[in-house]
Amino acid sequence: MNLPVLLLSAVLATGVAGPASADAPKAKPAPLAVEVGNKSVPTFCAEDDNVHLTFAHPEVRRFRVEARPPAVIGSIVVDSKDPDFTDCTIEDAPPEPGAEVNRIVLHEDERFILVGWKKTKGFWRKAEVPMRVGGRSEIHLELVQLHLKRPNGSYEFLVLYPSDGYWRLRPLPPARLPEVAYGTSFLVGPVEENERPFVAFTDVTYDPATRSFRMRFAKGGEGVLKVEDPGEKAAAVEVVLTGPIPSNLPFATLRSMYITDANADSAQVAWKAPGAKGWSLEPVMSFKGGKATEFWLGRAVPSRHNTSAPDTQLMHFGR
């Protein structure tokens, strides 16, 4: 079976090692092998995040998250991004009578715009996490968006839900598409569960100079999520954690949707197992978990829902 291009391992060159030198660059430490768990459950609803993958290791303090176009991006002529509540017990509820939704520009510079959205009532989870930028602080933000300025208008490529710690990331679209869909969400920090996974923040601070979000966790410790320039090939963030992660909690979680291979935000997982000579590949719903030094969640065939949604890869697990 052919894997997407992003799954092809680099071929290691071999040669005769010369004498050691004090000036020779040090070899990069090998990535840690993290424990990946699968708590996914079946669903008929395309708006239900039934894919639930956890990542745990007591020593991990840094890792990378990438969102890359699906293998089928070159064949998409008409995208499908609209919500689909077929066979769902939940509904797309309109705003409550009298509710106001306010757009707040938290920061703007030559290249980026950080926007917050505040709903006066009706949000299902308490939105009480302060969001700070410079000397400014806002609470009750349901959603925070980071936009890249472009000649044809700004493009939102990263979102955060401060009240429960969900992030979404997407690359820039190819020229023929105005945008690509969001799909898989990721959480970083001590991931708890109460009806659904969440990360509790005490506050979040955005630093425009480094384009970084600093998160303080209610469970203790902090995290910094540094945003890289997005492109058509990938959008990526680097995560650094400080302070201990409780041993019974994951340091990261992926959430996505799967009904069938043709109706899914993600349908397969692939991973590099310690000591393996190549990638392993499994359907996401039958994946039993295991150790991985790199992990991919994505699709190999088009989906009728969120067709352009990116694949997600976690890598560079380190101390």
Protein backbone atom coordinates (compact mmCIF):
# COMPACT_ATOMS: atom_id res chain seq x y z
CA MET A 1 0.00 0.00 0.00
CA ASN A 2 1.36 3.41 -0.95
CA LEU A 3 1.58 5.84 1.93
CA PRO A 4 1.28 9.63 1.51
CA VAL A 5 4.51 11.33 0.68
CA LEU A 6 4.86 12.59 4.23
CA LEU A 7 5.22 9.01 5.43
CA LEU A 8 8.27 8.16 3.35
CA SER A 9 11.28 7.72 5.65
CA ALA A 10 14.54 9.41 4.70
CA VAL A 11 17.20 7.01 3.42
CA LEU A 12 20.17 7.06 5.75
CA ALA A 13 23.52 7.45 4.05
CA THR A 14 26.29 5.11 5.21
CA GLY A 15 30.01 5.68 5.22
CA VAL A 16 33.24 5.25 7.12
CA ALA A 17 33.44 7.38 10.23
CA GLY A 18 36.56 9.51 10.59
CA PRO A 19 38.42 10.14 13.82
CA ALA A 20 36.49 11.92 16.54
CA SER A 21 37.05 15.67 16.77
CA ALA A 22 36.36 18.06 19.60
CA ASP A 23 34.88 20.45 17.03
CA ALA A 24 32.61 17.84 15.43
CA PRO A 25 28.90 18.60 15.86
CA LYS A 26 27.14 16.52 18.47
CA ALA A 27 24.61 14.00 17.22
CA LYS A 28 21.01 14.93 17.93
CA PRO A 29 19.51 12.89 20.74
CA ALA A 30 17.21 10.12 19.58
CA PRO A 31 13.52 11.00 19.89
CA LEU A 32 11.71 9.52 22.84
CA ALA A 33 9.27 6.68 22.25
CA VAL A 34 5.92 7.76 23.67
CA GLU A 35 2.99 5.56 24.62
CA VAL A 36 0.06 6.06 22.23
CA GLY A 37 -3.38 4.98 23.44
CA ASN A 38 -6.59 4.67 21.45
CA LYS A 39 -9.93 5.48 23.12
CA SER A 40 -11.85 5.90 19.87
CA VAL A 41 -15.48 4.76 19.70
CA PRO A 42 -17.86 4.23 16.73
CA THR A 43 -20.32 6.94 15.67
CA PHE A 44 -22.79 7.74 12.90
CA CYS A 45 -22.48 11.51 13.41
CA ALA A 46 -19.99 13.52 11.34
CA GLU A 47 -19.92 16.26 14.01
CA ASP A 48 -18.92 13.87 16.79
CA ASP A 49 -15.21 13.77 17.72
CA ASN A 50 -15.18 10.01 18.22
CA VAL A 51 -11.47 9.52 17.39
CA HIS A 52 -9.49 9.90 20.62
CA LEU A 53 -5.74 9.23 20.68
CA THR A 54 -3.58 9.90 23.74
CA PHE A 55 0.19 10.46 24.05
CA ALA A 56 2.02 9.83 27.32
CA HIS A 57 5.61 9.80 28.57
CA PRO A 58 6.87 11.09 31.94
CA GLU A 59 9.93 12.82 30.45
CA VAL A 60 8.59 14.48 27.30
CA ARG A 61 9.05 18.24 27.46
CA ARG A 62 9.04 19.16 23.78
CA PHE A 63 7.47 18.00 20.53
CA ARG A 64 6.23 19.25 17.18
CA VAL A 65 2.75 19.25 15.60
CA GLU A 66 2.29 19.58 11.84
CA ALA A 67 -0.86 19.90 9.73
CA ARG A 68 -0.23 18.79 6.15
CA PRO A 69 -2.56 18.63 3.11
CA PRO A 70 -4.22 15.25 2.57
CA ALA A 71 -2.84 13.02 -0.16
CA VAL A 72 -5.94 13.82 -2.28
CA ILE A 73 -5.51 17.62 -2.18
CA GLY A 74 -4.48 17.73 -5.86
CA SER A 75 -7.72 16.07 -6.98
CA ILE A 76 -10.18 18.27 -5.05
CA VAL A 77 -12.33 20.33 -7.42
CA VAL A 78 -15.29 21.05 -5.12
CA ASP A 79 -14.57 21.05 -1.40
CA SER A 80 -17.04 20.06 1.33
CA LYS A 81 -16.72 21.99 4.59
CA ASP A 82 -20.30 22.53 5.76
CA PRO A 83 -21.50 20.90 9.00
CA ASP A 84 -23.31 17.58 8.57
CA PHE A 85 -25.74 16.68 11.36
CA THR A 86 -27.15 13.61 9.62
CA ASP A 87 -27.67 10.79 12.17
CA CYS A 88 -26.66 13.14 15.00
CA THR A 89 -28.37 13.51 18.36
CA ILE A 90 -26.85 16.98 18.70
CA GLU A 91 -28.02 19.95 16.65
CA ASP A 92 -26.45 23.14 15.35
CA ALA A 93 -28.14 25.46 17.84
CA PRO A 94 -28.66 29.11 16.81
CA PRO A 95 -27.60 31.87 19.23
CA GLU A 96 -29.91 32.34 22.19
CA PRO A 97 -32.36 35.27 21.95
CA GLY A 98 -30.56 38.42 22.96
CA ALA A 99 -27.10 36.88 22.68
CA GLU A 100 -24.37 39.01 21.15
CA VAL A 101 -21.23 37.76 19.42
CA ASN A 102 -18.43 40.32 19.48
CA ARG A 103 -15.24 40.26 17.40
CA ILE A 104 -12.24 41.69 19.26
CA VAL A 105 -8.88 42.42 17.63
CA LEU A 106 -6.40 41.45 20.33
CA HIS A 107 -3.27 42.31 18.33
CA GLU A 108 -2.35 43.31 14.79
CA ASP A 109 1.04 43.84 13.15
CA GLU A 110 2.46 43.85 9.63
CA ARG A 111 1.89 40.12 9.07
CA PHE A 112 -0.56 38.71 11.61
CA ILE A 113 -3.88 39.45 13.30
CA LEU A 114 -4.99 37.84 16.56
CA VAL A 115 -8.77 37.89 16.95
CA GLY A 116 -11.00 36.85 19.85
CA TRP A 117 -14.71 36.08 19.80
CA LYS A 118 -16.91 36.72 22.80
CA LYS A 119 -20.48 35.44 23.07
CA THR A 120 -22.54 37.17 25.76
CA LYS A 121 -24.42 33.96 26.62
CA GLY A 122 -25.09 30.47 25.39
CA PHE A 123 -21.57 28.97 25.27
CA TRP A 124 -21.76 25.42 26.67
CA ARG A 125 -18.53 25.61 28.72
CA LYS A 126 -17.59 28.46 31.06
CA ALA A 127 -15.24 30.79 29.18
CA GLU A 128 -13.36 32.33 32.08
CA VAL A 129 -9.71 31.92 31.01
CA PRO A 130 -7.92 35.30 30.71
CA MET A 131 -6.26 35.89 27.35
CA ARG A 132 -3.41 38.39 27.62
CA VAL A 133 -1.54 40.33 24.92
CA GLY A 134 0.85 43.03 26.08
CA GLY A 135 -0.93 44.98 28.80
CA ARG A 136 -4.36 43.90 27.62
CA SER A 137 -6.44 41.10 29.16
CA GLU A 138 -9.75 39.68 27.92
CA ILE A 139 -11.95 37.02 29.51
CA HIS A 140 -15.06 35.17 28.32
CA LEU A 141 -13.50 34.46 24.93
CA GLU A 142 -15.09 31.47 23.25
CA LEU A 143 -12.57 31.35 20.40
CA VAL A 144 -9.19 32.87 19.50
CA GLN A 145 -7.96 32.94 15.87
CA LEU A 146 -4.56 33.73 14.37
CA HIS A 147 -4.68 35.13 10.83
CA LEU A 148 -1.91 35.59 8.28
CA LYS A 149 -2.16 38.74 6.19
CA ARG A 150 -2.07 38.10 2.43
CA PRO A 151 -2.57 40.35 -0.64
CA ASN A 152 -6.04 38.90 -1.23
CA GLY A 153 -7.11 39.15 2.43
CA SER A 154 -6.23 37.57 5.75
CA TYR A 155 -6.28 33.79 6.22
CA GLU A 156 -7.08 32.12 9.53
CA PHE A 157 -4.78 29.15 10.10
CA LEU A 158 -4.77 28.52 13.87
CA VAL A 159 -7.59 28.51 16.41
CA LEU A 160 -7.74 28.00 20.17
CA TYR A 161 -10.72 27.40 22.42
CA PRO A 162 -9.32 28.77 25.71
CA SER A 163 -12.01 27.24 27.92
CA ASP A 164 -11.03 23.62 27.15
CA GLY A 165 -7.61 23.80 25.47
CA TYR A 166 -8.55 22.62 21.96
CA TRP A 167 -6.30 23.79 19.11
CA ARG A 168 -6.83 23.43 15.36
CA LEU A 169 -4.24 24.06 12.65
CA ARG A 170 -4.41 24.13 8.86
CA PRO A 171 -1.94 24.90 6.03
CA LEU A 172 -2.45 27.53 3.35
CA PRO A 173 -4.70 26.42 0.49
CA PRO A 174 -3.54 25.72 -3.06
CA ALA A 175 -4.20 28.57 -5.47
CA ARG A 176 -7.40 27.06 -6.86
CA LEU A 177 -9.09 26.84 -3.42
CA PRO A 178 -10.02 29.84 -1.25
CA GLU A 179 -9.32 27.85 1.95
CA VAL A 180 -8.97 24.33 3.29
CA ALA A 181 -11.12 22.81 6.00
CA TYR A 182 -10.20 22.25 9.60
CA GLY A 183 -10.35 18.66 10.81
CA THR A 184 -8.40 17.09 13.65
CA SER A 185 -7.99 18.99 16.94
CA PHE A 186 -5.05 18.64 19.32
CA LEU A 187 -4.60 19.32 23.02
CA VAL A 188 -1.28 19.94 24.82
CA GLY A 189 -0.58 19.92 28.54
CA PRO A 190 -2.11 17.74 31.28
CA VAL A 191 -5.15 16.29 29.46
CA GLU A 192 -8.03 15.50 31.80
CA GLU A 193 -11.40 13.96 31.01
CA ASN A 194 -14.89 15.00 32.08
CA GLU A 195 -17.38 13.85 29.44
CA ARG A 196 -14.67 14.74 26.91
CA PRO A 197 -10.92 15.42 27.03
CA PHE A 198 -9.85 18.94 28.04
CA VAL A 199 -6.87 20.93 29.28
CA ALA A 200 -7.62 23.46 32.02
CA PHE A 201 -5.73 26.77 31.68
CA THR A 202 -5.41 29.39 34.38
CA ASP A 203 -4.47 31.92 31.69
CA VAL A 204 -2.97 32.23 28.20
CA THR A 205 -0.53 34.95 27.05
CA TYR A 206 0.35 35.72 23.44
CA ASP A 207 3.78 37.21 22.65
CA PRO A 208 3.71 38.86 19.20
CA ALA A 209 7.52 39.20 19.08
CA THR A 210 8.05 35.43 19.18
CA ARG A 211 4.58 34.47 17.90
CA SER A 212 4.14 32.23 20.93
CA PHE A 213 1.28 31.31 23.24
CA ARG A 214 2.25 30.72 26.87
CA MET A 215 -0.23 28.55 28.76
CA ARG A 216 -0.37 28.12 32.52
CA PHE A 217 -2.07 24.87 33.49
CA ALA A 218 -4.48 24.45 36.37
CA LYS A 219 -2.76 21.12 37.12
CA GLY A 220 0.59 22.91 37.45
CA GLY A 221 3.39 23.75 35.07
CA GLU A 222 3.38 25.77 31.88
CA GLY A 223 3.58 25.28 28.16
CA VAL A 224 4.73 27.42 25.24
CA LEU A 225 3.33 26.85 21.76
CA LYS A 226 5.46 28.63 19.14
CA VAL A 227 3.81 29.17 15.75
CA GLU A 228 5.81 28.84 12.55
CA ASP A 229 5.04 30.59 9.27
CA PRO A 230 2.32 28.56 7.53
CA GLY A 231 2.70 27.41 3.92
CA GLU A 232 0.88 25.25 1.41
CA LYS A 233 2.98 22.22 2.37
CA ALA A 234 2.45 22.51 6.13
CA ALA A 235 1.48 24.57 9.12
CA ALA A 236 3.41 23.72 12.28
CA VAL A 237 3.89 24.54 15.94
CA GLU A 238 6.65 23.67 18.39
CA VAL A 239 5.56 22.85 21.95
CA VAL A 240 7.73 23.15 25.08
CA LEU A 241 6.43 22.02 28.47
CA THR A 242 7.86 23.00 31.86
CA GLY A 243 6.99 21.43 35.17
CA PRO A 244 5.80 17.86 35.72
CA ILE A 245 2.85 16.33 33.90
CA PRO A 246 0.89 14.12 36.32
CA SER A 247 1.90 10.52 35.63
CA ASN A 248 -1.69 9.43 35.08
CA LEU A 249 -2.39 12.06 32.40
CA PRO A 250 -1.37 12.35 28.72
CA PHE A 251 0.76 15.32 27.64
CA ALA A 252 -1.10 15.50 24.31
CA THR A 253 -4.28 14.22 22.69
CA LEU A 254 -5.65 14.11 19.15
CA ARG A 255 -9.40 14.35 18.53
CA SER A 256 -10.98 13.68 15.15
CA MET A 257 -13.95 12.05 13.37
CA TYR A 258 -14.40 8.71 11.61
CA ILE A 259 -17.58 7.10 10.26
CA THR A 260 -16.26 5.32 7.16
CA ASP A 261 -13.11 5.81 5.08
CA ALA A 262 -15.18 7.96 2.71
CA ASN A 263 -16.70 10.03 5.52
CA ALA A 264 -13.94 10.93 7.94
CA ASP A 265 -11.59 13.69 9.05
CA SER A 266 -9.08 10.89 9.66
CA ALA A 267 -9.17 7.21 8.78
CA GLN A 268 -5.69 5.75 9.30
CA VAL A 269 -2.77 5.97 11.66
CA ALA A 270 0.89 5.37 10.87
CA TRP A 271 3.77 5.35 13.30
CA LYS A 272 7.48 4.73 13.70
CA ALA A 273 7.95 2.09 16.37
CA PRO A 274 11.28 2.00 18.26
CA GLY A 275 13.81 -0.07 16.31
CA ALA A 276 11.45 -0.62 13.35
CA LYS A 277 12.81 -0.51 9.79
CA GLY A 278 9.75 1.24 8.38
CA TRP A 279 6.37 2.77 9.16
CA SER A 280 3.48 0.72 10.54
CA LEU A 281 -0.03 1.43 9.25
CA GLU A 282 -3.47 0.59 10.69
CA PRO A 283 -7.09 1.75 10.33
CA VAL A 284 -7.65 4.24 13.12
CA MET A 285 -10.56 2.34 14.65
CA SER A 286 -8.65 -0.95 14.96
CA PHE A 287 -5.34 0.54 16.15
CA LYS A 288 -4.46 -1.12 19.47
CA GLY A 289 -1.96 1.49 20.62
CA GLY A 290 1.76 1.14 21.18
CA LYS A 291 5.04 3.02 21.35
CA ALA A 292 5.98 5.56 18.68
CA THR A 293 8.78 8.01 17.99
CA GLU A 294 6.64 9.69 15.31
CA PHE A 295 2.90 9.47 14.64
CA TRP A 296 0.62 10.34 11.72
CA LEU A 297 -3.19 10.56 11.60
CA GLY A 298 -4.81 11.08 8.22
CA ARG A 299 -6.51 9.70 5.12
CA ALA A 300 -5.57 7.99 1.88
CA VAL A 301 -8.94 8.37 0.08
CA PRO A 302 -11.24 11.39 -0.37
CA SER A 303 -13.92 12.10 2.22
CA ARG A 304 -17.31 13.53 1.39
CA HIS A 305 -17.05 15.60 4.58
CA ASN A 306 -14.19 18.08 5.20
CA THR A 307 -12.54 16.82 2.02
CA SER A 308 -9.55 19.18 2.27
CA ALA A 309 -8.97 18.77 6.03
CA PRO A 310 -5.28 18.24 6.74
CA ASP A 311 -3.49 15.18 8.09
CA THR A 312 -1.81 15.64 11.47
CA GLN A 313 1.63 14.50 12.54
CA LEU A 314 3.32 14.52 15.96
CA MET A 315 7.09 14.18 16.07
CA HIS A 316 10.41 15.22 17.66
CA PHE A 317 9.45 14.03 21.13
CA GLY A 318 12.24 15.09 23.46
CA ARG A 319 13.24 16.01 27.00
